[in-house]
N, C-alpha and C. Protein backbone atom coordinates (compact mmCIF):
# COMPACT_ATOMS: atom_id res chain seq x y z
N MET A 1 -4.06 19.50 10.41
CA MET A 1 -4.16 18.91 9.09
C MET A 1 -4.74 19.97 8.17
N THR A 2 -4.18 20.08 6.98
CA THR A 2 -4.70 21.09 6.05
C THR A 2 -6.05 20.64 5.50
N HIS A 3 -6.80 21.59 5.03
CA HIS A 3 -8.12 21.28 4.46
C HIS A 3 -7.99 20.31 3.29
N LEU A 4 -6.97 20.51 2.45
CA LEU A 4 -6.79 19.65 1.28
C LEU A 4 -6.51 18.21 1.68
N SER A 5 -5.62 18.01 2.64
CA SER A 5 -5.30 16.64 3.03
C SER A 5 -6.49 15.99 3.74
N ARG A 6 -7.23 16.76 4.52
CA ARG A 6 -8.43 16.24 5.18
C ARG A 6 -9.46 15.83 4.13
N THR A 7 -9.67 16.66 3.15
CA THR A 7 -10.62 16.35 2.07
C THR A 7 -10.17 15.11 1.30
N THR A 8 -8.87 15.00 1.05
CA THR A 8 -8.33 13.85 0.32
C THR A 8 -8.57 12.56 1.11
N LEU A 9 -8.31 12.59 2.42
CA LEU A 9 -8.55 11.40 3.25
C LEU A 9 -10.02 11.02 3.26
N ILE A 10 -10.89 12.01 3.41
CA ILE A 10 -12.33 11.75 3.43
C ILE A 10 -12.77 11.17 2.10
N ASN A 11 -12.31 11.74 0.99
CA ASN A 11 -12.69 11.21 -0.33
C ASN A 11 -12.24 9.77 -0.50
N ALA A 12 -11.04 9.46 -0.04
CA ALA A 12 -10.53 8.09 -0.15
C ALA A 12 -11.36 7.13 0.70
N LEU A 13 -11.68 7.54 1.91
CA LEU A 13 -12.48 6.68 2.79
C LEU A 13 -13.88 6.45 2.25
N VAL A 14 -14.47 7.48 1.66
CA VAL A 14 -15.81 7.34 1.08
C VAL A 14 -15.79 6.32 -0.06
N LYS A 15 -14.70 6.29 -0.82
CA LYS A 15 -14.60 5.34 -1.94
C LYS A 15 -14.46 3.90 -1.46
N VAL A 16 -13.68 3.68 -0.39
CA VAL A 16 -13.45 2.31 0.06
C VAL A 16 -14.49 1.85 1.08
N LYS A 17 -15.23 2.77 1.65
CA LYS A 17 -16.28 2.43 2.61
C LYS A 17 -17.59 3.14 2.23
N PRO A 18 -18.14 2.79 1.06
CA PRO A 18 -19.34 3.49 0.58
C PRO A 18 -20.56 3.31 1.48
N GLU A 19 -20.52 2.29 2.34
CA GLU A 19 -21.66 2.06 3.24
C GLU A 19 -21.70 3.08 4.39
N THR A 20 -20.59 3.77 4.60
CA THR A 20 -20.51 4.77 5.66
C THR A 20 -20.82 6.15 5.09
N PRO A 21 -21.82 6.83 5.66
CA PRO A 21 -22.16 8.17 5.15
C PRO A 21 -20.97 9.14 5.29
N ARG A 22 -20.82 9.99 4.31
CA ARG A 22 -19.72 10.96 4.31
C ARG A 22 -19.72 11.84 5.55
N VAL A 23 -20.89 12.17 6.04
CA VAL A 23 -20.98 13.04 7.22
C VAL A 23 -20.32 12.41 8.43
N MET A 24 -20.27 11.08 8.47
CA MET A 24 -19.59 10.40 9.58
C MET A 24 -18.10 10.72 9.56
N PHE A 25 -17.51 10.72 8.36
CA PHE A 25 -16.09 11.04 8.23
C PHE A 25 -15.86 12.53 8.47
N ASP A 26 -16.77 13.36 7.98
CA ASP A 26 -16.66 14.81 8.19
C ASP A 26 -16.66 15.16 9.68
N ALA A 27 -17.39 14.38 10.47
CA ALA A 27 -17.53 14.68 11.89
C ALA A 27 -16.32 14.24 12.72
N LEU A 28 -15.45 13.41 12.15
CA LEU A 28 -14.28 12.93 12.89
C LEU A 28 -13.25 14.04 13.09
N SER A 29 -12.57 13.98 14.22
CA SER A 29 -11.45 14.90 14.44
C SER A 29 -10.32 14.51 13.49
N ASP A 30 -9.34 15.38 13.35
CA ASP A 30 -8.20 15.07 12.49
C ASP A 30 -7.51 13.79 12.94
N LYS A 31 -7.35 13.64 14.24
CA LYS A 31 -6.67 12.46 14.79
C LYS A 31 -7.48 11.19 14.50
N ALA A 32 -8.77 11.24 14.71
CA ALA A 32 -9.63 10.08 14.46
C ALA A 32 -9.70 9.75 12.97
N LEU A 33 -9.71 10.77 12.14
CA LEU A 33 -9.74 10.57 10.70
C LEU A 33 -8.46 9.89 10.23
N ASP A 34 -7.34 10.34 10.76
CA ASP A 34 -6.05 9.72 10.44
C ASP A 34 -6.02 8.26 10.90
N ALA A 35 -6.54 7.99 12.09
CA ALA A 35 -6.57 6.62 12.61
C ALA A 35 -7.45 5.73 11.75
N GLU A 36 -8.58 6.24 11.31
CA GLU A 36 -9.49 5.47 10.45
C GLU A 36 -8.81 5.15 9.12
N PHE A 37 -8.13 6.13 8.56
CA PHE A 37 -7.44 5.91 7.29
C PHE A 37 -6.33 4.87 7.46
N ARG A 38 -5.60 4.96 8.56
CA ARG A 38 -4.52 3.99 8.82
C ARG A 38 -5.08 2.58 9.02
N ALA A 39 -6.22 2.48 9.67
CA ALA A 39 -6.86 1.17 9.88
C ALA A 39 -7.28 0.55 8.55
N VAL A 40 -7.87 1.36 7.69
CA VAL A 40 -8.29 0.86 6.37
C VAL A 40 -7.06 0.46 5.55
N THR A 41 -6.03 1.27 5.61
CA THR A 41 -4.79 0.96 4.88
C THR A 41 -4.19 -0.36 5.38
N ALA A 42 -4.16 -0.55 6.69
CA ALA A 42 -3.62 -1.78 7.27
C ALA A 42 -4.44 -2.99 6.83
N GLU A 43 -5.75 -2.82 6.78
CA GLU A 43 -6.62 -3.92 6.35
C GLU A 43 -6.35 -4.30 4.89
N TYR A 44 -6.21 -3.31 4.05
CA TYR A 44 -5.91 -3.58 2.63
C TYR A 44 -4.52 -4.20 2.47
N ASN A 45 -3.55 -3.74 3.25
CA ASN A 45 -2.21 -4.32 3.19
C ASN A 45 -2.23 -5.78 3.62
N GLU A 46 -3.00 -6.10 4.64
CA GLU A 46 -3.12 -7.48 5.11
C GLU A 46 -3.77 -8.36 4.03
N GLN A 47 -4.81 -7.86 3.40
CA GLN A 47 -5.46 -8.61 2.33
C GLN A 47 -4.50 -8.85 1.18
N ALA A 48 -3.73 -7.85 0.81
CA ALA A 48 -2.76 -7.98 -0.27
C ALA A 48 -1.68 -8.99 0.10
N SER A 49 -1.25 -8.96 1.34
CA SER A 49 -0.23 -9.89 1.82
C SER A 49 -0.74 -11.33 1.76
N GLN A 50 -1.98 -11.53 2.14
CA GLN A 50 -2.58 -12.86 2.09
C GLN A 50 -2.70 -13.34 0.65
N LEU A 51 -3.09 -12.45 -0.24
CA LEU A 51 -3.21 -12.83 -1.64
C LEU A 51 -1.84 -13.20 -2.23
N MET A 52 -0.82 -12.47 -1.83
CA MET A 52 0.54 -12.75 -2.33
C MET A 52 1.02 -14.11 -1.82
N SER A 53 0.72 -14.45 -0.60
CA SER A 53 1.16 -15.73 -0.02
C SER A 53 0.42 -16.90 -0.66
N VAL A 54 -0.82 -16.69 -1.08
CA VAL A 54 -1.59 -17.74 -1.75
C VAL A 54 -1.09 -17.93 -3.17
N SER A 55 -0.65 -16.88 -3.80
CA SER A 55 -0.21 -16.95 -5.19
C SER A 55 1.03 -17.81 -5.38
N TYR A 56 1.87 -17.89 -4.36
CA TYR A 56 3.12 -18.62 -4.50
C TYR A 56 3.04 -19.95 -3.90
């Protein structure tokens, strides 16, 4: 993973999980960082899906 994409993922995770210290994300391997980002994305997608189903 390039430094820029790693930094971008870490910055995004810090914004959506402010309770988690940045150093925790910095310490993750590229694979673990990608998995964490995918998990957060899946959680947000599920929440959006639930909101859409309630709206109709």
